[in-house]
Amino acid sequence: MESKAILKYARISPRKVRRVTDLIKGKNAGDAIINLGFLPHRGSDLVSKVLKSAMANAEQKKVADPESMKISKVFIDKGPTMKRMRPRAQGRADVIRKRTSHITLVLED
């Protein structure tokens, strides 16, 4: 069986989250939580939050022991981009793109 958790509209760019998720793919959930605790990246907090949610979902469904389940799939999809304007010289403007991402994590036993 599998357990899944999704975090939508996270205010971090997908590129920054992917460098964290590449480190934990295929690992046990318990080991991944420990590894995420020591990473200095901001994305590790969001990914650990989603991982804990997936483990809670597995415990709720009584699928298997959540600590021993493996991370089978992790998707980091691009969410909507908020556009803001910054004034520049001579009446021009620059666009600031505030990117969002959708994080999907699937656990399997």
PDB file of N, CA and C in Angstrom:
ATOM      1  N   MET A   1       0.848  -1.192   0.000  1.00  0.00           N
ATOM      2  CA  MET A   1       0.000   0.000   0.000  1.00  0.00           C
ATOM      3  C   MET A   1       0.880   1.237   0.000  1.00  0.00           C
ATOM      4  N   GLU A   2       0.250   2.329  -0.286  1.00  0.00           N
ATOM      5  CA  GLU A   2       0.998   3.580  -0.316  1.00  0.00           C
ATOM      6  C   GLU A   2       0.277   4.665   0.460  1.00  0.00           C
ATOM      7  N   SER A   3       1.048   5.647   0.844  1.00  0.00           N
ATOM      8  CA  SER A   3       0.529   6.803   1.567  1.00  0.00           C
ATOM      9  C   SER A   3       1.062   8.043   0.878  1.00  0.00           C
ATOM     10  N   LYS A   4       0.238   9.087   0.794  1.00  0.00           N
ATOM     11  CA  LYS A   4       0.606  10.262   0.012  1.00  0.00           C
ATOM     12  C   LYS A   4       0.263  11.531   0.772  1.00  0.00           C
ATOM     13  N   ALA A   5       1.086  12.566   0.568  1.00  0.00           N
ATOM     14  CA  ALA A   5       0.810  13.883   1.143  1.00  0.00           C
ATOM     15  C   ALA A   5       1.213  14.943   0.125  1.00  0.00           C
ATOM     16  N   ILE A   6       0.457  16.038   0.081  1.00  0.00           N
ATOM     17  CA  ILE A   6       0.686  17.109  -0.895  1.00  0.00           C
ATOM     18  C   ILE A   6       0.703  18.451  -0.175  1.00  0.00           C
ATOM     19  N   LEU A   7       1.679  19.276  -0.520  1.00  0.00           N
ATOM     20  CA  LEU A   7       1.720  20.662  -0.055  1.00  0.00           C
ATOM     21  C   LEU A   7       1.651  21.544  -1.289  1.00  0.00           C
ATOM     22  N   LYS A   8       0.627  22.367  -1.369  1.00  0.00           N
ATOM     23  CA  LYS A   8       0.450  23.224  -2.539  1.00  0.00           C
ATOM     24  C   LYS A   8       0.772  24.674  -2.196  1.00  0.00           C
ATOM     25  N   TYR A   9       1.192  25.399  -3.200  1.00  0.00           N
ATOM     26  CA  TYR A   9       1.468  26.838  -3.129  1.00  0.00           C
ATOM     27  C   TYR A   9       2.533  27.180  -2.084  1.00  0.00           C
ATOM     28  N   ALA A  10       3.563  26.347  -1.973  1.00  0.00           N
ATOM     29  CA  ALA A  10       4.667  26.647  -1.062  1.00  0.00           C
ATOM     30  C   ALA A  10       5.466  27.805  -1.648  1.00  0.00           C
ATOM     31  N   ARG A  11       5.791  28.803  -0.833  1.00  0.00           N
ATOM     32  CA  ARG A  11       6.451  30.016  -1.327  1.00  0.00           C
ATOM     33  C   ARG A  11       7.964  29.822  -1.424  1.00  0.00           C
ATOM     34  N   ILE A  12       8.363  28.881  -2.252  1.00  0.00           N
ATOM     35  CA  ILE A  12       9.770  28.635  -2.530  1.00  0.00           C
ATOM     36  C   ILE A  12       9.844  28.123  -3.964  1.00  0.00           C
ATOM     37  N   SER A  13      10.911  28.444  -4.658  1.00  0.00           N
ATOM     38  CA  SER A  13      11.003  28.028  -6.054  1.00  0.00           C
ATOM     39  C   SER A  13      11.239  26.519  -6.133  1.00  0.00           C
ATOM     40  N   PRO A  14      10.722  25.878  -7.169  1.00  0.00           N
ATOM     41  CA  PRO A  14      10.866  24.425  -7.292  1.00  0.00           C
ATOM     42  C   PRO A  14      12.327  23.984  -7.377  1.00  0.00           C
ATOM     43  N   ARG A  15      13.164  24.801  -7.953  1.00  0.00           N
ATOM     44  CA  ARG A  15      14.575  24.450  -8.105  1.00  0.00           C
ATOM     45  C   ARG A  15      15.266  24.293  -6.744  1.00  0.00           C
ATOM     46  N   LYS A  16      14.890  25.122  -5.797  1.00  0.00           N
ATOM     47  CA  LYS A  16      15.497  25.070  -4.466  1.00  0.00           C
ATOM     48  C   LYS A  16      15.009  23.861  -3.670  1.00  0.00           C
ATOM     49  N   VAL A  17      13.782  23.422  -3.936  1.00  0.00           N
ATOM     50  CA  VAL A  17      13.248  22.272  -3.207  1.00  0.00           C
ATOM     51  C   VAL A  17      13.779  20.976  -3.814  1.00  0.00           C
ATOM     52  N   ARG A  18      14.004  20.961  -5.126  1.00  0.00           N
ATOM     53  CA  ARG A  18      14.466  19.740  -5.791  1.00  0.00           C
ATOM     54  C   ARG A  18      15.838  19.311  -5.298  1.00  0.00           C
ATOM     55  N   ARG A  19      16.695  20.275  -4.936  1.00  0.00           N
ATOM     56  CA  ARG A  19      18.022  19.882  -4.456  1.00  0.00           C
ATOM     57  C   ARG A  19      17.945  19.173  -3.109  1.00  0.00           C
ATOM     58  N   VAL A  20      16.872  19.399  -2.366  1.00  0.00           N
ATOM     59  CA  VAL A  20      16.674  18.702  -1.091  1.00  0.00           C
ATOM     60  C   VAL A  20      16.061  17.326  -1.324  1.00  0.00           C
ATOM     61  N   THR A  21      15.073  17.250  -2.208  1.00  0.00           N
ATOM     62  CA  THR A  21      14.369  15.982  -2.414  1.00  0.00           C
ATOM     63  C   THR A  21      15.235  14.958  -3.132  1.00  0.00           C
ATOM     64  N   ASP A  22      16.207  15.407  -3.915  1.00  0.00           N
ATOM     65  CA  ASP A  22      17.097  14.462  -4.579  1.00  0.00           C
ATOM     66  C   ASP A  22      17.936  13.685  -3.569  1.00  0.00           C
ATOM     67  N   LEU A  23      18.159  14.251  -2.386  1.00  0.00           N
ATOM     68  CA  LEU A  23      18.968  13.591  -1.366  1.00  0.00           C
ATOM     69  C   LEU A  23      18.213  12.498  -0.613  1.00  0.00           C
ATOM     70  N   ILE A  24      16.871  12.572  -0.589  1.00  0.00           N
ATOM     71  CA  ILE A  24      16.109  11.622   0.230  1.00  0.00           C
ATOM     72  C   ILE A  24      15.321  10.602  -0.580  1.00  0.00           C
ATOM     73  N   LYS A  25      15.348  10.662  -1.906  1.00  0.00           N
ATOM     74  CA  LYS A  25      14.603   9.700  -2.713  1.00  0.00           C
ATOM     75  C   LYS A  25      15.114   8.291  -2.471  1.00  0.00           C
ATOM     76  N   GLY A  26      14.195   7.359  -2.244  1.00  0.00           N
ATOM     77  CA  GLY A  26      14.545   5.961  -2.062  1.00  0.00           C
ATOM     78  C   GLY A  26      14.960   5.576  -0.654  1.00  0.00           C
ATOM     79  N   LYS A  27      15.003   6.512   0.278  1.00  0.00           N
ATOM     80  CA  LYS A  27      15.417   6.206   1.644  1.00  0.00           C
ATOM     81  C   LYS A  27      14.206   5.842   2.504  1.00  0.00           C
ATOM     82  N   ASN A  28      14.466   5.270   3.663  1.00  0.00           N
ATOM     83  CA  ASN A  28      13.397   5.019   4.630  1.00  0.00           C
ATOM     84  C   ASN A  28      12.925   6.347   5.205  1.00  0.00           C
ATOM     85  N   ALA A  29      11.669   6.395   5.609  1.00  0.00           N
ATOM     86  CA  ALA A  29      11.090   7.645   6.105  1.00  0.00           C
ATOM     87  C   ALA A  29      11.778   8.106   7.383  1.00  0.00           C
ATOM     88  N   GLY A  30      12.111   7.176   8.262  1.00  0.00           N
ATOM     89  CA  GLY A  30      12.773   7.537   9.512  1.00  0.00           C
ATOM     90  C   GLY A  30      14.159   8.129   9.277  1.00  0.00           C
ATOM     91  N   ASP A  31      14.919   7.516   8.358  1.00  0.00           N
ATOM     92  CA  ASP A  31      16.250   8.029   8.028  1.00  0.00           C
ATOM     93  C   ASP A  31      16.165   9.385   7.338  1.00  0.00           C
ATOM     94  N   ALA A  32      15.157   9.546   6.496  1.00  0.00           N
ATOM     95  CA  ALA A  32      15.008  10.802   5.760  1.00  0.00           C
ATOM     96  C   ALA A  32      14.694  11.959   6.706  1.00  0.00           C
ATOM     97  N   ILE A  33      13.885  11.715   7.728  1.00  0.00           N
ATOM     98  CA  ILE A  33      13.561  12.785   8.690  1.00  0.00           C
ATOM     99  C   ILE A  33      14.819  13.230   9.425  1.00  0.00           C
ATOM    100  N   ILE A  34      15.657  12.258   9.794  1.00  0.00           N
ATOM    101  CA  ILE A  34      16.901  12.600  10.488  1.00  0.00           C
ATOM    102  C   ILE A  34      17.814  13.407   9.566  1.00  0.00           C
ATOM    103  N   ASN A  35      17.939  12.966   8.308  1.00  0.00           N
ATOM    104  CA  ASN A  35      18.797  13.684   7.354  1.00  0.00           C
ATOM    105  C   ASN A  35      18.300  15.094   7.085  1.00  0.00           C
ATOM    106  N   LEU A  36      16.987  15.258   6.974  1.00  0.00           N
ATOM    107  CA  LEU A  36      16.428  16.582   6.692  1.00  0.00           C
ATOM    108  C   LEU A  36      16.656  17.548   7.851  1.00  0.00           C
ATOM    109  N   GLY A  37      16.740  17.023   9.054  1.00  0.00           N
ATOM    110  CA  GLY A  37      16.975  17.875  10.213  1.00  0.00           C
ATOM    111  C   GLY A  37      18.342  18.540  10.209  1.00  0.00           C
ATOM    112  N   PHE A  38      19.301  17.927   9.534  1.00  0.00           N
ATOM    113  CA  PHE A  38      20.659  18.464   9.521  1.00  0.00           C
ATOM    114  C   PHE A  38      20.979  19.294   8.280  1.00  0.00           C
ATOM    115  N   LEU A  39      20.065  19.371   7.327  1.00  0.00           N
ATOM    116  CA  LEU A  39      20.327  20.148   6.116  1.00  0.00           C
ATOM    117  C   LEU A  39      20.118  21.640   6.376  1.00  0.00           C
ATOM    118  N   PRO A  40      20.972  22.502   5.838  1.00  0.00           N
ATOM    119  CA  PRO A  40      20.848  23.941   6.091  1.00  0.00           C
ATOM    120  C   PRO A  40      19.854  24.645   5.168  1.00  0.00           C
ATOM    121  N   HIS A  41      19.264  23.936   4.229  1.00  0.00           N
ATOM    122  CA  HIS A  41      18.391  24.574   3.244  1.00  0.00           C
ATOM    123  C   HIS A  41      17.002  24.845   3.809  1.00  0.00           C
ATOM    124  N   ARG A  42      16.371  25.908   3.318  1.00  0.00           N
ATOM    125  CA  ARG A  42      15.024  26.240   3.778  1.00  0.00           C
ATOM    126  C   ARG A  42      14.006  25.226   3.287  1.00  0.00           C
ATOM    127  N   GLY A  43      14.253  24.617   2.140  1.00  0.00           N
ATOM    128  CA  GLY A  43      13.337  23.628   1.593  1.00  0.00           C
ATOM    129  C   GLY A  43      13.248  22.368   2.427  1.00  0.00           C
ATOM    130  N   SER A  44      14.268  22.102   3.238  1.00  0.00           N
ATOM    131  CA  SER A  44      14.246  20.883   4.046  1.00  0.00           C
ATOM    132  C   SER A  44      13.141  20.931   5.096  1.00  0.00           C
ATOM    133  N   ASP A  45      12.831  22.117   5.601  1.00  0.00           N
ATOM    134  CA  ASP A  45      11.737  22.242   6.570  1.00  0.00           C
ATOM    135  C   ASP A  45      10.391  21.896   5.929  1.00  0.00           C
ATOM    136  N   LEU A  46      10.179  22.384   4.708  1.00  0.00           N
ATOM    137  CA  LEU A  46       8.918  22.113   4.020  1.00  0.00           C
ATOM    138  C   LEU A  46       8.790  20.641   3.656  1.00  0.00           C
ATOM    139  N   VAL A  47       9.890  20.044   3.179  1.00  0.00           N
ATOM    140  CA  VAL A  47       9.849  18.640   2.782  1.00  0.00           C
ATOM    141  C   VAL A  47       9.642  17.741   4.007  1.00  0.00           C
ATOM    142  N   SER A  48      10.261  18.082   5.134  1.00  0.00           N
ATOM    143  CA  SER A  48      10.063  17.268   6.334  1.00  0.00           C
ATOM    144  C   SER A  48       8.628  17.380   6.839  1.00  0.00           C
ATOM    145  N   LYS A  49       8.030  18.537   6.667  1.00  0.00           N
ATOM    146  CA  LYS A  49       6.633  18.721   7.049  1.00  0.00           C
ATOM    147  C   LYS A  49       5.721  17.824   6.212  1.00  0.00           C
ATOM    148  N   VAL A  50       5.983  17.743   4.898  1.00  0.00           N
ATOM    149  CA  VAL A  50       5.189  16.897   4.013  1.00  0.00           C
ATOM    150  C   VAL A  50       5.439  15.421   4.330  1.00  0.00           C
ATOM    151  N   LEU A  51       6.689  15.075   4.629  1.00  0.00           N
ATOM    152  CA  LEU A  51       7.030  13.692   4.956  1.00  0.00           C
ATOM    153  C   LEU A  51       6.342  13.242   6.240  1.00  0.00           C
ATOM    154  N   LYS A  52       6.314  14.105   7.251  1.00  0.00           N
ATOM    155  CA  LYS A  52       5.627  13.770   8.496  1.00  0.00           C
ATOM    156  C   LYS A  52       4.127  13.607   8.267  1.00  0.00           C
ATOM    157  N   SER A  53       3.575  14.405   7.358  1.00  0.00           N
ATOM    158  CA  SER A  53       2.159  14.289   7.033  1.00  0.00           C
ATOM    159  C   SER A  53       1.872  12.965   6.335  1.00  0.00           C
ATOM    160  N   ALA A  54       2.747  12.554   5.425  1.00  0.00           N
ATOM    161  CA  ALA A  54       2.566  11.270   4.737  1.00  0.00           C
ATOM    162  C   ALA A  54       2.684  10.112   5.721  1.00  0.00           C
ATOM    163  N   MET A  55       3.594  10.234   6.686  1.00  0.00           N
ATOM    164  CA  MET A  55       3.736   9.191   7.701  1.00  0.00           C
ATOM    165  C   MET A  55       2.496   9.131   8.591  1.00  0.00           C
ATOM    166  N   ALA A  56       1.929  10.286   8.918  1.00  0.00           N
ATOM    167  CA  ALA A  56       0.695  10.324   9.716  1.00  0.00           C
ATOM    168  C   ALA A  56      -0.469   9.727   8.934  1.00  0.00           C
ATOM    169  N   ASN A  57      -0.505   9.969   7.621  1.00  0.00           N
ATOM    170  CA  ASN A  57      -1.553   9.379   6.788  1.00  0.00           C
ATOM    171  C   ASN A  57      -1.436   7.857   6.766  1.00  0.00           C
ATOM    172  N   ALA A  58      -0.192   7.355   6.713  1.00  0.00           N
ATOM    173  CA  ALA A  58       0.014   5.901   6.719  1.00  0.00           C
ATOM    174  C   ALA A  58      -0.418   5.294   8.048  1.00  0.00           C
ATOM    175  N   GLU A  59      -0.139   6.000   9.121  1.00  0.00           N
ATOM    176  CA  GLU A  59      -0.544   5.508  10.438  1.00  0.00           C
ATOM    177  C   GLU A  59      -2.062   5.542  10.594  1.00  0.00           C
ATOM    178  N   GLN A  60      -2.680   6.549  10.033  1.00  0.00           N
ATOM    179  CA  GLN A  60      -4.139   6.683  10.096  1.00  0.00           C
ATOM    180  C   GLN A  60      -4.824   5.552   9.336  1.00  0.00           C
ATOM    181  N   LYS A  61      -4.256   5.205   8.159  1.00  0.00           N
ATOM    182  CA  LYS A  61      -4.830   4.141   7.341  1.00  0.00           C
ATOM    183  C   LYS A  61      -4.452   2.750   7.832  1.00  0.00           C
ATOM    184  N   LYS A  62      -3.518   2.696   8.808  1.00  0.00           N
ATOM    185  CA  LYS A  62      -2.998   1.426   9.326  1.00  0.00           C
ATOM    186  C   LYS A  62      -2.409   0.583   8.202  1.00  0.00           C
ATOM    187  N   VAL A  63      -1.648   1.225   7.316  1.00  0.00           N
ATOM    188  CA  VAL A  63      -1.049   0.539   6.180  1.00  0.00           C
ATOM    189  C   VAL A  63       0.142  -0.297   6.629  1.00  0.00           C
ATOM    190  N   ALA A  64       1.125   0.337   7.248  1.00  0.00           N
ATOM    191  CA  ALA A  64       2.331  -0.341   7.716  1.00  0.00           C
ATOM    192  C   ALA A  64       2.996   0.560   8.751  1.00  0.00           C
ATOM    193  N   ASP A  65       4.165   0.131   9.223  1.00  0.00           N
ATOM    194  CA  ASP A  65       4.936   0.965  10.140  1.00  0.00           C
ATOM    195  C   ASP A  65       5.484   2.157   9.361  1.00  0.00           C
ATOM    196  N   PRO A  66       5.089   3.392   9.702  1.00  0.00           N
ATOM    197  CA  PRO A  66       5.502   4.555   8.909  1.00  0.00           C
ATOM    198  C   PRO A  66       7.013   4.775   8.887  1.00  0.00           C
ATOM    199  N   GLU A  67       7.715   4.374   9.965  1.00  0.00           N
ATOM    200  CA  GLU A  67       9.166   4.579  10.018  1.00  0.00           C
ATOM    201  C   GLU A  67       9.894   3.733   8.978  1.00  0.00           C
ATOM    202  N   SER A  68       9.372   2.545   8.689  1.00  0.00           N
ATOM    203  CA  SER A  68      10.067   1.624   7.787  1.00  0.00           C
ATOM    204  C   SER A  68       9.650   1.784   6.329  1.00  0.00           C
ATOM    205  N   MET A  69       8.670   2.616   6.043  1.00  0.00           N
ATOM    206  CA  MET A  69       8.226   2.810   4.660  1.00  0.00           C
ATOM    207  C   MET A  69       9.281   3.586   3.878  1.00  0.00           C
ATOM    208  N   LYS A  70       9.342   3.312   2.568  1.00  0.00           N
ATOM    209  CA  LYS A  70      10.315   3.970   1.701  1.00  0.00           C
ATOM    210  C   LYS A  70       9.664   5.114   0.940  1.00  0.00           C
ATOM    211  N   ILE A  71      10.463   6.131   0.651  1.00  0.00           N
ATOM    212  CA  ILE A  71       9.991   7.240  -0.174  1.00  0.00           C
ATOM    213  C   ILE A  71      10.118   6.789  -1.622  1.00  0.00           C
ATOM    214  N   SER A  72       8.987   6.495  -2.255  1.00  0.00           N
ATOM    215  CA  SER A  72       9.039   5.961  -3.613  1.00  0.00           C
ATOM    216  C   SER A  72       9.020   7.062  -4.666  1.00  0.00           C
ATOM    217  N   LYS A  73       8.196   8.070  -4.457  1.00  0.00           N
ATOM    218  CA  LYS A  73       8.092   9.144  -5.455  1.00  0.00           C
ATOM    219  C   LYS A  73       8.053  10.494  -4.755  1.00  0.00           C
ATOM    220  N   VAL A  74       8.738  11.456  -5.351  1.00  0.00           N
ATOM    221  CA  VAL A  74       8.669  12.841  -4.882  1.00  0.00           C
ATOM    222  C   VAL A  74       8.542  13.710  -6.121  1.00  0.00           C
ATOM    223  N   PHE A  75       7.455  14.463  -6.209  1.00  0.00           N
ATOM    224  CA  PHE A  75       7.244  15.374  -7.326  1.00  0.00           C
ATOM    225  C   PHE A  75       7.333  16.801  -6.817  1.00  0.00           C
ATOM    226  N   ILE A  76       8.088  17.629  -7.508  1.00  0.00           N
ATOM    227  CA  ILE A  76       8.126  19.061  -7.221  1.00  0.00           C
ATOM    228  C   ILE A  76       7.646  19.748  -8.483  1.00  0.00           C
ATOM    229  N   ASP A  77       6.422  20.200  -8.479  1.00  0.00           N
ATOM    230  CA  ASP A  77       5.841  20.852  -9.643  1.00  0.00           C
ATOM    231  C   ASP A  77       5.821  22.363  -9.451  1.00  0.00           C
ATOM    232  N   LYS A  78       5.810  23.063 -10.564  1.00  0.00           N
ATOM    233  CA  LYS A  78       5.779  24.523 -10.533  1.00  0.00           C
ATOM    234  C   LYS A  78       4.364  25.004 -10.264  1.00  0.00           C
ATOM    235  N   GLY A  79       4.228  25.920  -9.326  1.00  0.00           N
ATOM    236  CA  GLY A  79       2.930  26.527  -9.035  1.00  0.00           C
ATOM    237  C   GLY A  79       2.823  27.867  -9.751  1.00  0.00           C
ATOM    238  N   PRO A  80       1.794  28.626  -9.453  1.00  0.00           N
ATOM    239  CA  PRO A  80       1.644  29.937 -10.085  1.00  0.00           C
ATOM    240  C   PRO A  80       2.718  30.912  -9.601  1.00  0.00           C
ATOM    241  N   THR A  81       3.107  31.804 -10.483  1.00  0.00           N
ATOM    242  CA  THR A  81       4.134  32.790 -10.170  1.00  0.00           C
ATOM    243  C   THR A  81       3.482  34.142  -9.927  1.00  0.00           C
ATOM    244  N   MET A  82       3.806  34.745  -8.771  1.00  0.00           N
ATOM    245  CA  MET A  82       3.317  36.087  -8.479  1.00  0.00           C
ATOM    246  C   MET A  82       4.295  37.081  -9.096  1.00  0.00           C
ATOM    247  N   LYS A  83       3.783  38.077  -9.771  1.00  0.00           N
ATOM    248  CA  LYS A  83       4.651  39.053 -10.415  1.00  0.00           C
ATOM    249  C   LYS A  83       4.533  40.391  -9.698  1.00  0.00           C
ATOM    250  N   ARG A  84       5.662  40.955  -9.344  1.00  0.00           N
ATOM    251  CA  ARG A  84       5.732  42.255  -8.681  1.00  0.00           C
ATOM    252  C   ARG A  84       6.627  43.162  -9.501  1.00  0.00           C
ATOM    253  N   MET A  85       6.430  44.465  -9.381  1.00  0.00           N
ATOM    254  CA  MET A  85       7.210  45.426 -10.167  1.00  0.00           C
ATOM    255  C   MET A  85       8.160  46.188  -9.254  1.00  0.00           C
ATOM    256  N   ARG A  86       9.368  46.425  -9.750  1.00  0.00           N
ATOM    257  CA  ARG A  86      10.362  47.213  -9.039  1.00  0.00           C
ATOM    258  C   ARG A  86      10.737  48.398  -9.924  1.00  0.00           C
ATOM    259  N   PRO A  87      10.650  49.605  -9.399  1.00  0.00           N
ATOM    260  CA  PRO A  87      10.996  50.777 -10.215  1.00  0.00           C
ATOM    261  C   PRO A  87      12.497  50.823 -10.514  1.00  0.00           C
ATOM    262  N   ARG A  88      12.811  51.250 -11.736  1.00  0.00           N
ATOM    263  CA  ARG A  88      14.190  51.392 -12.180  1.00  0.00           C
ATOM    264  C   ARG A  88      14.394  52.803 -12.732  1.00  0.00           C
ATOM    265  N   ALA A  89      15.550  53.055 -13.202  1.00  0.00           N
ATOM    266  CA  ALA A  89      15.891  54.398 -13.675  1.00  0.00           C
ATOM    267  C   ALA A  89      15.115  54.761 -14.936  1.00  0.00           C
ATOM    268  N   GLN A  90      14.881  56.051 -15.109  1.00  0.00           N
ATOM    269  CA  GLN A  90      14.254  56.641 -16.299  1.00  0.00           C
ATOM    270  C   GLN A  90      12.843  56.097 -16.528  1.00  0.00           C
ATOM    271  N   GLY A  91      12.106  55.847 -15.458  1.00  0.00           N
ATOM    272  CA  GLY A  91      10.703  55.467 -15.586  1.00  0.00           C
ATOM    273  C   GLY A  91      10.464  54.028 -15.979  1.00  0.00           C
ATOM    274  N   ARG A  92      11.485  53.227 -16.040  1.00  0.00           N
ATOM    275  CA  ARG A  92      11.306  51.821 -16.415  1.00  0.00           C
ATOM    276  C   ARG A  92      10.954  50.998 -15.170  1.00  0.00           C
ATOM    277  N   ALA A  93      10.640  49.723 -15.411  1.00  0.00           N
ATOM    278  CA  ALA A  93      10.305  48.836 -14.292  1.00  0.00           C
ATOM    279  C   ALA A  93      10.858  47.445 -14.575  1.00  0.00           C
ATOM    280  N   ASP A  94      11.283  46.755 -13.525  1.00  0.00           N
ATOM    281  CA  ASP A  94      11.715  45.361 -13.613  1.00  0.00           C
ATOM    282  C   ASP A  94      10.640  44.483 -12.981  1.00  0.00           C
ATOM    283  N   VAL A  95      10.527  43.266 -13.494  1.00  0.00           N
ATOM    284  CA  VAL A  95       9.559  42.326 -12.958  1.00  0.00           C
ATOM    285  C   VAL A  95      10.275  41.416 -11.964  1.00  0.00           C
ATOM    286  N   ILE A  96       9.716  41.302 -10.765  1.00  0.00           N
ATOM    287  CA  ILE A  96      10.203  40.357  -9.772  1.00  0.00           C
ATOM    288  C   ILE A  96       9.242  39.179  -9.791  1.00  0.00           C
ATOM    289  N   ARG A  97       9.781  37.986 -10.003  1.00  0.00           N
ATOM    290  CA  ARG A  97       8.953  36.784 -10.047  1.00  0.00           C
ATOM    291  C   ARG A  97       9.064  36.053  -8.712  1.00  0.00           C
ATOM    292  N   LYS A  98       7.961  35.936  -8.010  1.00  0.00           N
ATOM    293  CA  LYS A  98       7.928  35.196  -6.751  1.00  0.00           C
ATOM    294  C   LYS A  98       7.312  33.836  -7.053  1.00  0.00           C
ATOM    295  N   ARG A  99       8.169  32.843  -7.145  1.00  0.00           N
ATOM    296  CA  ARG A  99       7.742  31.523  -7.602  1.00  0.00           C
ATOM    297  C   ARG A  99       7.176  30.689  -6.455  1.00  0.00           C
ATOM    298  N   THR A 100       6.240  29.803  -6.806  1.00  0.00           N
ATOM    299  CA  THR A 100       5.670  28.874  -5.839  1.00  0.00           C
ATOM    300  C   THR A 100       5.833  27.455  -6.377  1.00  0.00           C
ATOM    301  N   SER A 101       5.659  26.478  -5.498  1.00  0.00           N
ATOM    302  CA  SER A 101       5.806  25.092  -5.921  1.00  0.00           C
ATOM    303  C   SER A 101       4.797  24.210  -5.201  1.00  0.00           C
ATOM    304  N   HIS A 102       4.500  23.072  -5.829  1.00  0.00           N
ATOM    305  CA  HIS A 102       3.636  22.052  -5.256  1.00  0.00           C
ATOM    306  C   HIS A 102       4.514  20.838  -4.955  1.00  0.00           C
ATOM    307  N   ILE A 103       4.490  20.372  -3.711  1.00  0.00           N
ATOM    308  CA  ILE A 103       5.330  19.251  -3.288  1.00  0.00           C
ATOM    309  C   ILE A 103       4.434  18.044  -3.036  1.00  0.00           C
ATOM    310  N   THR A 104       4.697  16.942  -3.736  1.00  0.00           N
ATOM    311  CA  THR A 104       3.940  15.695  -3.572  1.00  0.00           C
ATOM    312  C   THR A 104       4.916  14.600  -3.164  1.00  0.00           C
ATOM    313  N   LEU A 105       4.608  13.869  -2.097  1.00  0.00           N
ATOM    314  CA  LEU A 105       5.489  12.821  -1.595  1.00  0.00           C
ATOM    315  C   LEU A 105       4.696  11.550  -1.397  1.00  0.00           C
ATOM    316  N   VAL A 106       5.191  10.434  -1.918  1.00  0.00           N
ATOM    317  CA  VAL A 106       4.502   9.147  -1.834  1.00  0.00           C
ATOM    318  C   VAL A 106       5.394   8.153  -1.103  1.00  0.00           C
ATOM    319  N   LEU A 107       4.833   7.476  -0.099  1.00  0.00           N
ATOM    320  CA  LEU A 107       5.529   6.450   0.668  1.00  0.00           C
ATOM    321  C   LEU A 107       4.965   5.079   0.295  1.00  0.00           C
ATOM    322  N   GLU A 108       5.843   4.074   0.178  1.00  0.00           N
ATOM    323  CA  GLU A 108       5.413   2.699  -0.064  1.00  0.00           C
ATOM    324  C   GLU A 108       6.120   1.771   0.900  1.00  0.00           C
ATOM    325  N   ASP A 109       5.462   0.660   1.242  1.00  0.00           N
ATOM    326  CA  ASP A 109       6.096  -0.306   2.131  1.00  0.00           C
ATOM    327  C   ASP A 109       6.843  -1.375   1.376  1.00  0.00           C
TER     328      ASP A 109
END
